[in-house]
Amino acid sequence: MPKVVPEYKEEARKKIIDAGLEVMSKKGYCSTTMDDIASHLGVSKGALYLYFKNKDELVAAIVENFHIKNHDLARETFPTEKPLKAWYDFFDRIVTFDPEYSAFIFEIAAMAVRNDVIRESYSDDLKQSLEMASNGIACQQRNGLVRSDIEPRTLAVAIIAIFSGIRTLAIAGVEPDELRERWITIGKVILGISEE
């Protein structure tokens, strides 16, 4: 029997994570079964269990994947752009107006209250996001690019809270153009910058 090379295993894992996100975004966590995900991929359910012992573990991997993508995007955008331009770009690249996707994000947050596996992954993601944002803001403050009269962690908490609120408004049907306009105005206030 041939050995499975690590690269193939990682690629298969990524495909399962992507399929899990796609199917659960459409159907919701509770309505999605591992059979649904396997069917979407055209594989047996048993093949999924080679990579994830259950649906909760798959959701934890989806959350970790969010974290990696969002942080990669932040690392790519913020150090190379002026703060306000990065603020605009981050919104355009990360805020999705797909209500099913956003609803799934909130479903994960709600499940974190009662599900230890999901809570750990979700909590780790938020803590790392908060730490990364705090460090980035501190760096921008040292360079005189953003307001320095407020402690970086406070600004980071505000940004994450506003981002969650914007996502809620998107689910509620507020028009994307209005949300973008509000995001820009909020960015100017929070970052303490007028125009760039």
N, C-alpha and C. Protein backbone atom coordinates (compact mmCIF):
# COMPACT_ATOMS: atom_id res chain seq x y z
N MET A 1 0.84 -1.17 0.00
CA MET A 1 0.00 0.00 0.00
C MET A 1 0.89 1.24 0.00
N PRO A 2 0.64 2.21 -0.92
CA PRO A 2 1.49 3.40 -0.97
C PRO A 2 1.24 4.31 0.23
N LYS A 3 2.29 5.01 0.63
CA LYS A 3 2.17 5.95 1.73
C LYS A 3 1.50 7.24 1.24
N VAL A 4 0.74 7.87 2.12
CA VAL A 4 0.14 9.15 1.79
C VAL A 4 1.15 10.23 2.16
N VAL A 5 1.53 11.03 1.19
CA VAL A 5 2.51 12.07 1.45
C VAL A 5 1.87 13.21 2.24
N PRO A 6 2.63 13.87 3.12
CA PRO A 6 2.06 14.93 3.95
C PRO A 6 1.39 16.05 3.15
N GLU A 7 1.96 16.39 1.98
CA GLU A 7 1.37 17.46 1.17
C GLU A 7 -0.04 17.09 0.71
N TYR A 8 -0.23 15.83 0.34
CA TYR A 8 -1.55 15.39 -0.10
C TYR A 8 -2.52 15.43 1.08
N LYS A 9 -2.05 14.99 2.22
CA LYS A 9 -2.89 14.97 3.41
C LYS A 9 -3.33 16.38 3.78
N GLU A 10 -2.42 17.33 3.72
CA GLU A 10 -2.75 18.73 4.04
C GLU A 10 -3.72 19.30 3.02
N GLU A 11 -3.51 18.97 1.74
CA GLU A 11 -4.42 19.45 0.69
C GLU A 11 -5.82 18.87 0.88
N ALA A 12 -5.90 17.60 1.22
CA ALA A 12 -7.21 16.97 1.46
C ALA A 12 -7.89 17.61 2.66
N ARG A 13 -7.13 17.89 3.68
CA ARG A 13 -7.68 18.54 4.88
C ARG A 13 -8.25 19.92 4.53
N LYS A 14 -7.50 20.69 3.74
CA LYS A 14 -7.97 22.02 3.32
C LYS A 14 -9.26 21.93 2.51
N LYS A 15 -9.34 20.92 1.65
CA LYS A 15 -10.57 20.75 0.84
C LYS A 15 -11.76 20.44 1.73
N ILE A 16 -11.55 19.64 2.76
CA ILE A 16 -12.64 19.31 3.69
C ILE A 16 -13.06 20.57 4.45
N ILE A 17 -12.10 21.35 4.90
CA ILE A 17 -12.41 22.59 5.62
C ILE A 17 -13.22 23.53 4.72
N ASP A 18 -12.77 23.71 3.49
CA ASP A 18 -13.49 24.59 2.55
C ASP A 18 -14.90 24.08 2.28
N ALA A 19 -15.02 22.77 2.10
CA ALA A 19 -16.35 22.19 1.85
C ALA A 19 -17.24 22.33 3.08
N GLY A 20 -16.66 22.10 4.26
CA GLY A 20 -17.42 22.26 5.49
C GLY A 20 -17.95 23.67 5.64
N LEU A 21 -17.11 24.65 5.35
CA LEU A 21 -17.53 26.05 5.41
C LEU A 21 -18.64 26.33 4.41
N GLU A 22 -18.47 25.87 3.20
CA GLU A 22 -19.47 26.11 2.16
C GLU A 22 -20.82 25.49 2.51
N VAL A 23 -20.81 24.24 2.91
CA VAL A 23 -22.06 23.54 3.21
C VAL A 23 -22.71 24.10 4.47
N MET A 24 -21.91 24.32 5.52
CA MET A 24 -22.49 24.84 6.76
C MET A 24 -22.96 26.28 6.61
N SER A 25 -22.33 27.05 5.74
CA SER A 25 -22.81 28.41 5.49
C SER A 25 -24.18 28.38 4.84
N LYS A 26 -24.40 27.41 3.99
CA LYS A 26 -25.70 27.30 3.31
C LYS A 26 -26.77 26.70 4.22
N LYS A 27 -26.43 25.65 4.94
CA LYS A 27 -27.43 24.90 5.71
C LYS A 27 -27.45 25.23 7.19
N GLY A 28 -26.38 25.81 7.70
CA GLY A 28 -26.26 26.02 9.13
C GLY A 28 -25.59 24.81 9.78
N TYR A 29 -25.00 25.06 10.92
CA TYR A 29 -24.28 23.99 11.62
C TYR A 29 -25.20 22.82 11.96
N CYS A 30 -26.33 23.12 12.61
CA CYS A 30 -27.21 22.06 13.11
C CYS A 30 -27.80 21.21 12.00
N SER A 31 -28.07 21.82 10.86
CA SER A 31 -28.70 21.08 9.76
C SER A 31 -27.70 20.33 8.90
N THR A 32 -26.43 20.59 9.08
CA THR A 32 -25.40 19.95 8.26
C THR A 32 -24.91 18.68 8.93
N THR A 33 -24.78 17.64 8.15
CA THR A 33 -24.20 16.39 8.64
C THR A 33 -22.86 16.15 7.95
N MET A 34 -22.10 15.27 8.51
CA MET A 34 -20.84 14.90 7.86
C MET A 34 -21.14 14.22 6.51
N ASP A 35 -22.29 13.55 6.41
CA ASP A 35 -22.70 12.98 5.12
C ASP A 35 -22.87 14.07 4.07
N ASP A 36 -23.46 15.20 4.47
CA ASP A 36 -23.64 16.32 3.54
C ASP A 36 -22.30 16.80 3.00
N ILE A 37 -21.34 16.93 3.89
CA ILE A 37 -20.03 17.42 3.49
C ILE A 37 -19.33 16.39 2.60
N ALA A 38 -19.42 15.12 2.97
CA ALA A 38 -18.81 14.06 2.16
C ALA A 38 -19.44 14.04 0.77
N SER A 39 -20.76 14.16 0.71
CA SER A 39 -21.47 14.17 -0.57
C SER A 39 -21.02 15.36 -1.42
N HIS A 40 -20.86 16.51 -0.79
CA HIS A 40 -20.40 17.71 -1.50
C HIS A 40 -19.03 17.48 -2.13
N LEU A 41 -18.18 16.75 -1.42
CA LEU A 41 -16.84 16.46 -1.91
C LEU A 41 -16.77 15.24 -2.83
N GLY A 42 -17.83 14.45 -2.82
CA GLY A 42 -17.82 13.22 -3.61
C GLY A 42 -16.96 12.13 -3.02
N VAL A 43 -16.91 12.08 -1.68
CA VAL A 43 -16.14 11.06 -0.99
C VAL A 43 -17.04 10.38 0.04
N SER A 44 -16.54 9.34 0.65
CA SER A 44 -17.31 8.67 1.70
C SER A 44 -17.18 9.45 3.01
N LYS A 45 -18.17 9.29 3.87
CA LYS A 45 -18.11 9.94 5.17
C LYS A 45 -16.88 9.46 5.95
N GLY A 46 -16.54 8.20 5.78
CA GLY A 46 -15.37 7.65 6.45
C GLY A 46 -14.09 8.39 6.09
N ALA A 47 -14.01 8.89 4.86
CA ALA A 47 -12.82 9.64 4.44
C ALA A 47 -12.67 10.92 5.27
N LEU A 48 -13.79 11.54 5.64
CA LEU A 48 -13.72 12.75 6.46
C LEU A 48 -13.18 12.44 7.85
N TYR A 49 -13.57 11.27 8.37
CA TYR A 49 -13.16 10.91 9.72
C TYR A 49 -11.67 10.55 9.81
N LEU A 50 -11.01 10.44 8.67
CA LEU A 50 -9.55 10.27 8.69
C LEU A 50 -8.87 11.58 9.09
N TYR A 51 -9.58 12.68 8.90
CA TYR A 51 -9.01 14.00 9.16
C TYR A 51 -9.63 14.71 10.36
N PHE A 52 -10.90 14.45 10.62
CA PHE A 52 -11.63 15.10 11.72
C PHE A 52 -12.47 14.05 12.43
N LYS A 53 -12.36 14.01 13.76
CA LYS A 53 -13.09 12.96 14.47
C LYS A 53 -14.58 13.24 14.57
N ASN A 54 -14.98 14.53 14.40
CA ASN A 54 -16.41 14.86 14.42
C ASN A 54 -16.62 16.25 13.81
N LYS A 55 -17.86 16.65 13.73
CA LYS A 55 -18.22 17.93 13.12
C LYS A 55 -17.67 19.11 13.93
N ASP A 56 -17.65 18.99 15.25
CA ASP A 56 -17.12 20.06 16.09
C ASP A 56 -15.64 20.31 15.80
N GLU A 57 -14.89 19.24 15.63
CA GLU A 57 -13.47 19.38 15.32
C GLU A 57 -13.29 20.05 13.96
N LEU A 58 -14.18 19.73 13.02
CA LEU A 58 -14.14 20.39 11.71
C LEU A 58 -14.44 21.88 11.85
N VAL A 59 -15.43 22.24 12.65
CA VAL A 59 -15.75 23.65 12.87
C VAL A 59 -14.58 24.37 13.52
N ALA A 60 -13.92 23.73 14.46
CA ALA A 60 -12.74 24.33 15.08
C ALA A 60 -11.67 24.61 14.03
N ALA A 61 -11.51 23.69 13.08
CA ALA A 61 -10.53 23.90 12.01
C ALA A 61 -10.98 25.03 11.08
N ILE A 62 -12.28 25.16 10.85
CA ILE A 62 -12.81 26.27 10.04
C ILE A 62 -12.49 27.59 10.72
N VAL A 63 -12.71 27.66 12.04
CA VAL A 63 -12.41 28.88 12.79
C VAL A 63 -10.92 29.19 12.70
N GLU A 64 -10.09 28.19 12.86
CA GLU A 64 -8.63 28.39 12.76
C GLU A 64 -8.27 28.89 11.37
N ASN A 65 -8.95 28.38 10.35
CA ASN A 65 -8.70 28.81 8.99
C ASN A 65 -9.09 30.28 8.80
N PHE A 66 -10.24 30.71 9.40
CA PHE A 66 -10.62 32.13 9.39
C PHE A 66 -9.47 32.95 9.94
N HIS A 67 -8.99 32.50 11.09
CA HIS A 67 -7.93 33.21 11.80
C HIS A 67 -6.70 33.38 10.90
N ILE A 68 -6.28 32.32 10.29
CA ILE A 68 -5.08 32.36 9.45
C ILE A 68 -5.29 33.31 8.27
N LYS A 69 -6.42 33.20 7.59
CA LYS A 69 -6.68 34.05 6.43
C LYS A 69 -6.77 35.53 6.83
N ASN A 70 -7.51 35.81 7.91
CA ASN A 70 -7.67 37.20 8.34
C ASN A 70 -6.34 37.80 8.80
N HIS A 71 -5.55 37.02 9.49
CA HIS A 71 -4.27 37.54 9.97
C HIS A 71 -3.28 37.69 8.83
N ASP A 72 -3.30 36.77 7.89
CA ASP A 72 -2.45 36.93 6.71
C ASP A 72 -2.81 38.20 5.96
N LEU A 73 -4.11 38.44 5.83
CA LEU A 73 -4.59 39.63 5.15
C LEU A 73 -4.16 40.89 5.91
N ALA A 74 -4.30 40.87 7.22
CA ALA A 74 -3.90 42.02 8.03
C ALA A 74 -2.40 42.26 7.92
N ARG A 75 -1.61 41.20 7.98
CA ARG A 75 -0.16 41.35 7.86
C ARG A 75 0.24 41.88 6.49
N GLU A 76 -0.52 41.49 5.47
CA GLU A 76 -0.24 41.92 4.11
C GLU A 76 -0.66 43.38 3.90
N THR A 77 -1.76 43.78 4.50
CA THR A 77 -2.33 45.10 4.24
C THR A 77 -1.77 46.20 5.12
N PHE A 78 -1.79 46.01 6.43
CA PHE A 78 -1.50 47.12 7.33
C PHE A 78 -0.06 47.63 7.31
N PRO A 79 0.95 46.77 7.27
CA PRO A 79 2.31 47.32 7.28
C PRO A 79 2.68 48.07 6.00
N THR A 80 2.00 47.79 4.89
CA THR A 80 2.40 48.38 3.61
C THR A 80 1.54 49.57 3.20
N GLU A 81 0.47 49.83 3.92
CA GLU A 81 -0.46 50.91 3.57
C GLU A 81 -0.50 51.93 4.69
N LYS A 82 -0.90 53.15 4.34
CA LYS A 82 -1.18 54.13 5.38
C LYS A 82 -2.39 53.62 6.15
N PRO A 83 -2.50 53.95 7.43
CA PRO A 83 -3.56 53.36 8.26
C PRO A 83 -4.98 53.48 7.71
N LEU A 84 -5.36 54.64 7.21
CA LEU A 84 -6.72 54.80 6.73
C LEU A 84 -6.96 54.01 5.45
N LYS A 85 -5.98 53.99 4.57
CA LYS A 85 -6.09 53.19 3.32
C LYS A 85 -6.18 51.72 3.67
N ALA A 86 -5.39 51.26 4.63
CA ALA A 86 -5.46 49.86 5.07
C ALA A 86 -6.83 49.57 5.66
N TRP A 87 -7.38 50.53 6.41
CA TRP A 87 -8.71 50.39 7.02
C TRP A 87 -9.76 50.15 5.93
N TYR A 88 -9.68 50.95 4.84
CA TYR A 88 -10.62 50.79 3.71
C TYR A 88 -10.44 49.41 3.07
N ASP A 89 -9.18 49.10 2.76
CA ASP A 89 -8.89 47.85 2.06
C ASP A 89 -9.32 46.63 2.86
N PHE A 90 -9.08 46.68 4.16
CA PHE A 90 -9.45 45.55 5.01
C PHE A 90 -10.96 45.32 4.94
N PHE A 91 -11.72 46.38 5.00
CA PHE A 91 -13.18 46.27 4.90
C PHE A 91 -13.57 45.61 3.58
N ASP A 92 -13.03 46.13 2.48
CA ASP A 92 -13.39 45.62 1.16
C ASP A 92 -13.00 44.18 0.95
N ARG A 93 -11.93 43.75 1.61
CA ARG A 93 -11.46 42.40 1.39
C ARG A 93 -12.01 41.39 2.38
N ILE A 94 -12.52 41.86 3.53
CA ILE A 94 -12.91 40.88 4.54
C ILE A 94 -14.39 40.89 4.89
N VAL A 95 -15.04 42.03 4.75
CA VAL A 95 -16.47 42.07 5.09
C VAL A 95 -17.24 41.46 3.93
N THR A 96 -17.93 40.41 4.22
CA THR A 96 -18.72 39.75 3.19
C THR A 96 -20.18 40.12 3.36
N PHE A 97 -20.84 40.28 2.25
CA PHE A 97 -22.26 40.59 2.30
C PHE A 97 -23.09 39.37 1.93
N ASP A 98 -22.49 38.22 2.17
CA ASP A 98 -23.19 36.96 2.00
C ASP A 98 -23.86 36.65 3.35
N PRO A 99 -25.18 36.82 3.44
CA PRO A 99 -25.83 36.65 4.73
C PRO A 99 -25.70 35.23 5.30
N GLU A 100 -25.62 34.23 4.45
CA GLU A 100 -25.47 32.86 4.95
C GLU A 100 -24.12 32.67 5.62
N TYR A 101 -23.08 33.20 5.02
CA TYR A 101 -21.73 33.11 5.59
C TYR A 101 -21.69 33.85 6.93
N SER A 102 -22.20 35.07 6.93
CA SER A 102 -22.20 35.85 8.17
C SER A 102 -23.03 35.17 9.26
N ALA A 103 -24.16 34.60 8.87
CA ALA A 103 -25.00 33.89 9.85
C ALA A 103 -24.24 32.71 10.45
N PHE A 104 -23.46 32.02 9.63
CA PHE A 104 -22.67 30.90 10.13
C PHE A 104 -21.63 31.38 11.14
N ILE A 105 -21.02 32.54 10.88
CA ILE A 105 -20.05 33.10 11.83
C ILE A 105 -20.72 33.33 13.18
N PHE A 106 -21.92 33.91 13.15
CA PHE A 106 -22.64 34.17 14.40
C PHE A 106 -23.10 32.86 15.06
N GLU A 107 -23.42 31.88 14.24
CA GLU A 107 -23.80 30.58 14.79
C GLU A 107 -22.63 29.97 15.55
N ILE A 108 -21.44 30.10 15.01
CA ILE A 108 -20.25 29.61 15.70
C ILE A 108 -20.07 30.33 17.03
N ALA A 109 -20.23 31.65 17.01
CA ALA A 109 -20.09 32.44 18.25
C ALA A 109 -21.10 31.97 19.30
N ALA A 110 -22.33 31.73 18.87
CA ALA A 110 -23.36 31.27 19.81
C ALA A 110 -23.05 29.87 20.34
N MET A 111 -22.55 29.00 19.49
CA MET A 111 -22.22 27.63 19.91
C MET A 111 -21.06 27.61 20.90
N ALA A 112 -20.20 28.62 20.83
CA ALA A 112 -19.03 28.67 21.71
C ALA A 112 -19.44 28.74 23.18
N VAL A 113 -20.65 29.17 23.45
CA VAL A 113 -21.12 29.26 24.83
C VAL A 113 -21.25 27.87 25.46
N ARG A 114 -21.69 26.89 24.68
CA ARG A 114 -22.00 25.56 25.23
C ARG A 114 -21.12 24.42 24.72
N ASN A 115 -20.25 24.71 23.78
CA ASN A 115 -19.47 23.65 23.15
C ASN A 115 -17.99 23.91 23.42
N ASP A 116 -17.36 23.07 24.22
CA ASP A 116 -15.98 23.28 24.64
C ASP A 116 -14.99 23.33 23.47
N VAL A 117 -15.16 22.46 22.49
CA VAL A 117 -14.23 22.39 21.36
C VAL A 117 -14.31 23.68 20.55
N ILE A 118 -15.53 24.11 20.26
CA ILE A 118 -15.71 25.33 19.47
C ILE A 118 -15.32 26.55 20.30
N ARG A 119 -15.65 26.56 21.59
CA ARG A 119 -15.29 27.70 22.45
C ARG A 119 -13.78 27.90 22.47
N GLU A 120 -13.04 26.82 22.62
CA GLU A 120 -11.59 26.94 22.69
C GLU A 120 -11.03 27.53 21.40
N SER A 121 -11.50 27.03 20.27
CA SER A 121 -11.01 27.52 18.98
C SER A 121 -11.43 28.98 18.76
N TYR A 122 -12.68 29.28 19.04
CA TYR A 122 -13.21 30.63 18.84
C TYR A 122 -12.52 31.62 19.78
N SER A 123 -12.35 31.23 21.03
CA SER A 123 -11.69 32.08 22.02
C SER A 123 -10.23 32.33 21.63
N ASP A 124 -9.54 31.29 21.21
CA ASP A 124 -8.15 31.45 20.77
C ASP A 124 -8.06 32.41 19.59
N ASP A 125 -9.00 32.27 18.65
CA ASP A 125 -9.01 33.14 17.48
C ASP A 125 -9.19 34.60 17.90
N LEU A 126 -10.15 34.86 18.77
CA LEU A 126 -10.40 36.24 19.21
C LEU A 126 -9.22 36.80 20.00
N LYS A 127 -8.65 35.98 20.87
CA LYS A 127 -7.50 36.45 21.65
C LYS A 127 -6.32 36.79 20.74
N GLN A 128 -6.06 35.94 19.76
CA GLN A 128 -4.96 36.21 18.83
C GLN A 128 -5.25 37.43 17.97
N SER A 129 -6.51 37.59 17.55
CA SER A 129 -6.89 38.77 16.77
C SER A 129 -6.68 40.03 17.59
N LEU A 130 -7.09 39.99 18.84
CA LEU A 130 -6.95 41.13 19.73
C LEU A 130 -5.48 41.47 19.96
N GLU A 131 -4.68 40.44 20.17
CA GLU A 131 -3.24 40.65 20.38
C GLU A 131 -2.57 41.22 19.13
N MET A 132 -2.91 40.67 17.98
CA MET A 132 -2.32 41.15 16.73
C MET A 132 -2.73 42.60 16.47
N ALA A 133 -4.01 42.91 16.65
CA ALA A 133 -4.48 44.28 16.43
C ALA A 133 -3.82 45.23 17.41
N SER A 134 -3.71 44.84 18.67
CA SER A 134 -3.07 45.68 19.69
C SER A 134 -1.62 45.98 19.32
N ASN A 135 -0.89 44.96 18.90
CA ASN A 135 0.51 45.14 18.52
C ASN A 135 0.64 46.04 17.29
N GLY A 136 -0.25 45.83 16.32
CA GLY A 136 -0.22 46.67 15.11
C GLY A 136 -0.51 48.13 15.43
N ILE A 137 -1.50 48.35 16.27
CA ILE A 137 -1.85 49.73 16.66
C ILE A 137 -0.69 50.36 17.43
N ALA A 138 -0.09 49.62 18.34
CA ALA A 138 1.05 50.15 19.11
C ALA A 138 2.17 50.57 18.17
N CYS A 139 2.45 49.76 17.17
CA CYS A 139 3.49 50.08 16.19
C CYS A 139 3.12 51.36 15.43
N GLN A 140 1.87 51.46 15.01
CA GLN A 140 1.43 52.65 14.28
C GLN A 140 1.46 53.89 15.19
N GLN A 141 1.16 53.71 16.47
CA GLN A 141 1.25 54.82 17.41
C GLN A 141 2.70 55.29 17.56
N ARG A 142 3.61 54.35 17.69
CA ARG A 142 5.03 54.71 17.83
C ARG A 142 5.54 55.48 16.61
N ASN A 143 4.96 55.15 15.44
CA ASN A 143 5.37 55.81 14.21
C ASN A 143 4.57 57.09 13.94
N GLY A 144 3.71 57.47 14.88
CA GLY A 144 2.92 58.69 14.74
C GLY A 144 1.86 58.64 13.65
N LEU A 145 1.42 57.42 13.31
CA LEU A 145 0.45 57.27 12.21
C LEU A 145 -1.00 57.30 12.69
N VAL A 146 -1.23 56.91 13.94
CA VAL A 146 -2.59 56.92 14.50
C VAL A 146 -2.56 57.57 15.87
N ARG A 147 -3.72 57.89 16.36
CA ARG A 147 -3.83 58.57 17.67
C ARG A 147 -3.10 57.77 18.74
N SER A 148 -2.48 58.49 19.67
CA SER A 148 -1.74 57.81 20.73
C SER A 148 -2.31 58.12 22.11
N ASP A 149 -3.47 58.78 22.13
CA ASP A 149 -4.07 59.15 23.42
C ASP A 149 -4.93 58.05 24.02
N ILE A 150 -5.06 56.94 23.30
CA ILE A 150 -5.83 55.80 23.79
C ILE A 150 -4.94 54.57 23.72
N GLU A 151 -5.00 53.77 24.76
CA GLU A 151 -4.18 52.56 24.86
C GLU A 151 -4.51 51.60 23.68
N PRO A 152 -3.50 50.98 23.06
CA PRO A 152 -3.70 50.14 21.88
C PRO A 152 -4.75 49.03 22.06
N ARG A 153 -4.75 48.39 23.22
CA ARG A 153 -5.70 47.29 23.41
C ARG A 153 -7.15 47.80 23.40
N THR A 154 -7.38 48.97 23.95
CA THR A 154 -8.72 49.56 23.94
C THR A 154 -9.16 49.83 22.50
N LEU A 155 -8.26 50.37 21.70
CA LEU A 155 -8.59 50.60 20.28
C LEU A 155 -8.84 49.28 19.56
N ALA A 156 -8.05 48.26 19.87
CA ALA A 156 -8.23 46.95 19.24
C ALA A 156 -9.59 46.36 19.59
N VAL A 157 -9.98 46.45 20.86
CA VAL A 157 -11.29 45.94 21.27
C VAL A 157 -12.39 46.70 20.52
N ALA A 158 -12.25 48.01 20.42
CA ALA A 158 -13.25 48.82 19.72
C ALA A 158 -13.36 48.40 18.25
N ILE A 159 -12.23 48.18 17.61
CA ILE A 159 -12.24 47.80 16.19
C ILE A 159 -12.93 46.44 16.00
N ILE A 160 -12.59 45.48 16.83
CA ILE A 160 -13.20 44.14 16.71
C ILE A 160 -14.70 44.22 16.98
N ALA A 161 -15.09 45.00 17.99
CA ALA A 161 -16.52 45.14 18.30
C ALA A 161 -17.26 45.82 17.15
N ILE A 162 -16.68 46.84 16.58
CA ILE A 162 -17.32 47.54 15.47
C ILE A 162 -17.42 46.61 14.27
N PHE A 163 -16.38 45.84 14.02
CA PHE A 163 -16.41 44.90 12.90
C PHE A 163 -17.56 43.91 13.07
N SER A 164 -17.74 43.39 14.29
CA SER A 164 -18.85 42.46 14.55
C SER A 164 -20.19 43.15 14.34
N GLY A 165 -20.27 44.40 14.77
CA GLY A 165 -21.51 45.15 14.58
C GLY A 165 -21.82 45.39 13.12
N ILE A 166 -20.81 45.70 12.34
CA ILE A 166 -20.99 45.90 10.89
C ILE A 166 -21.51 44.61 10.26
N ARG A 167 -20.94 43.49 10.69
CA ARG A 167 -21.39 42.19 10.15
C ARG A 167 -22.86 41.95 10.51
N THR A 168 -23.26 42.31 11.73
CA THR A 168 -24.66 42.17 12.14
C THR A 168 -25.56 43.03 11.27
N LEU A 169 -25.14 44.25 11.01
CA LEU A 169 -25.94 45.14 10.17
C LEU A 169 -26.05 44.61 8.74
N ALA A 170 -24.99 43.98 8.26
CA ALA A 170 -25.04 43.39 6.92
C ALA A 170 -26.07 42.27 6.87
N ILE A 171 -26.12 41.44 7.92
CA ILE A 171 -27.13 40.37 7.98
C ILE A 171 -28.53 40.97 8.01
N ALA A 172 -28.67 42.10 8.71
CA ALA A 172 -29.98 42.75 8.84
C ALA A 172 -30.41 43.43 7.55
N GLY A 173 -29.53 43.50 6.58
CA GLY A 173 -29.91 44.04 5.28
C GLY A 173 -29.52 45.48 5.02
N VAL A 174 -28.70 46.07 5.89
CA VAL A 174 -28.23 47.43 5.62
C VAL A 174 -27.35 47.36 4.36
N GLU A 175 -27.53 48.32 3.50
CA GLU A 175 -26.84 48.32 2.20
C GLU A 175 -25.32 48.37 2.37
N PRO A 176 -24.60 47.59 1.56
CA PRO A 176 -23.13 47.57 1.64
C PRO A 176 -22.48 48.95 1.49
N ASP A 177 -23.01 49.78 0.60
CA ASP A 177 -22.41 51.11 0.41
C ASP A 177 -22.52 51.94 1.68
N GLU A 178 -23.66 51.86 2.36
CA GLU A 178 -23.81 52.61 3.60
C GLU A 178 -22.85 52.08 4.67
N LEU A 179 -22.75 50.76 4.77
CA LEU A 179 -21.85 50.18 5.77
C LEU A 179 -20.40 50.58 5.50
N ARG A 180 -20.02 50.58 4.25
CA ARG A 180 -18.64 50.99 3.91
C ARG A 180 -18.42 52.45 4.29
N GLU A 181 -19.39 53.30 3.97
CA GLU A 181 -19.27 54.72 4.31
C GLU A 181 -19.14 54.90 5.83
N ARG A 182 -19.96 54.18 6.60
CA ARG A 182 -19.89 54.27 8.06
C ARG A 182 -18.56 53.74 8.58
N TRP A 183 -18.10 52.64 7.99
CA TRP A 183 -16.82 52.05 8.38
C TRP A 183 -15.69 53.06 8.20
N ILE A 184 -15.71 53.78 7.07
CA ILE A 184 -14.68 54.78 6.79
C ILE A 184 -14.73 55.90 7.82
N THR A 185 -15.93 56.39 8.10
CA THR A 185 -16.09 57.46 9.09
C THR A 185 -15.63 57.01 10.47
N ILE A 186 -16.02 55.81 10.85
CA ILE A 186 -15.60 55.26 12.15
C ILE A 186 -14.08 55.12 12.20
N GLY A 187 -13.49 54.66 11.10
CA GLY A 187 -12.03 54.51 11.05
C GLY A 187 -11.32 55.82 11.30
N LYS A 188 -11.83 56.89 10.70
CA LYS A 188 -11.22 58.21 10.90
C LYS A 188 -11.28 58.60 12.37
N VAL A 189 -12.42 58.36 13.00
CA VAL A 189 -12.59 58.72 14.41
C VAL A 189 -11.70 57.86 15.30
N ILE A 190 -11.78 56.56 15.13
CA ILE A 190 -11.04 55.65 16.00
C ILE A 190 -9.52 55.82 15.82
N LEU A 191 -9.08 55.93 14.59
CA LEU A 191 -7.65 56.04 14.34
C LEU A 191 -7.14 57.45 14.56
N GLY A 192 -8.07 58.43 14.65
CA GLY A 192 -7.66 59.81 14.90
C GLY A 192 -6.98 60.46 13.72
N ILE A 193 -7.47 60.13 12.51
CA ILE A 193 -6.88 60.69 11.30
C ILE A 193 -7.98 61.36 10.50
N SER A 194 -7.62 62.41 9.78
CA SER A 194 -8.62 63.04 8.93
C SER A 194 -8.59 62.37 7.56
N GLU A 195 -7.72 62.76 6.70
CA GLU A 195 -7.61 62.14 5.37
C GLU A 195 -6.15 61.78 5.10
N GLU A 196 -5.96 60.86 4.17
CA GLU A 196 -4.59 60.50 3.77
C GLU A 196 -4.41 60.77 2.30
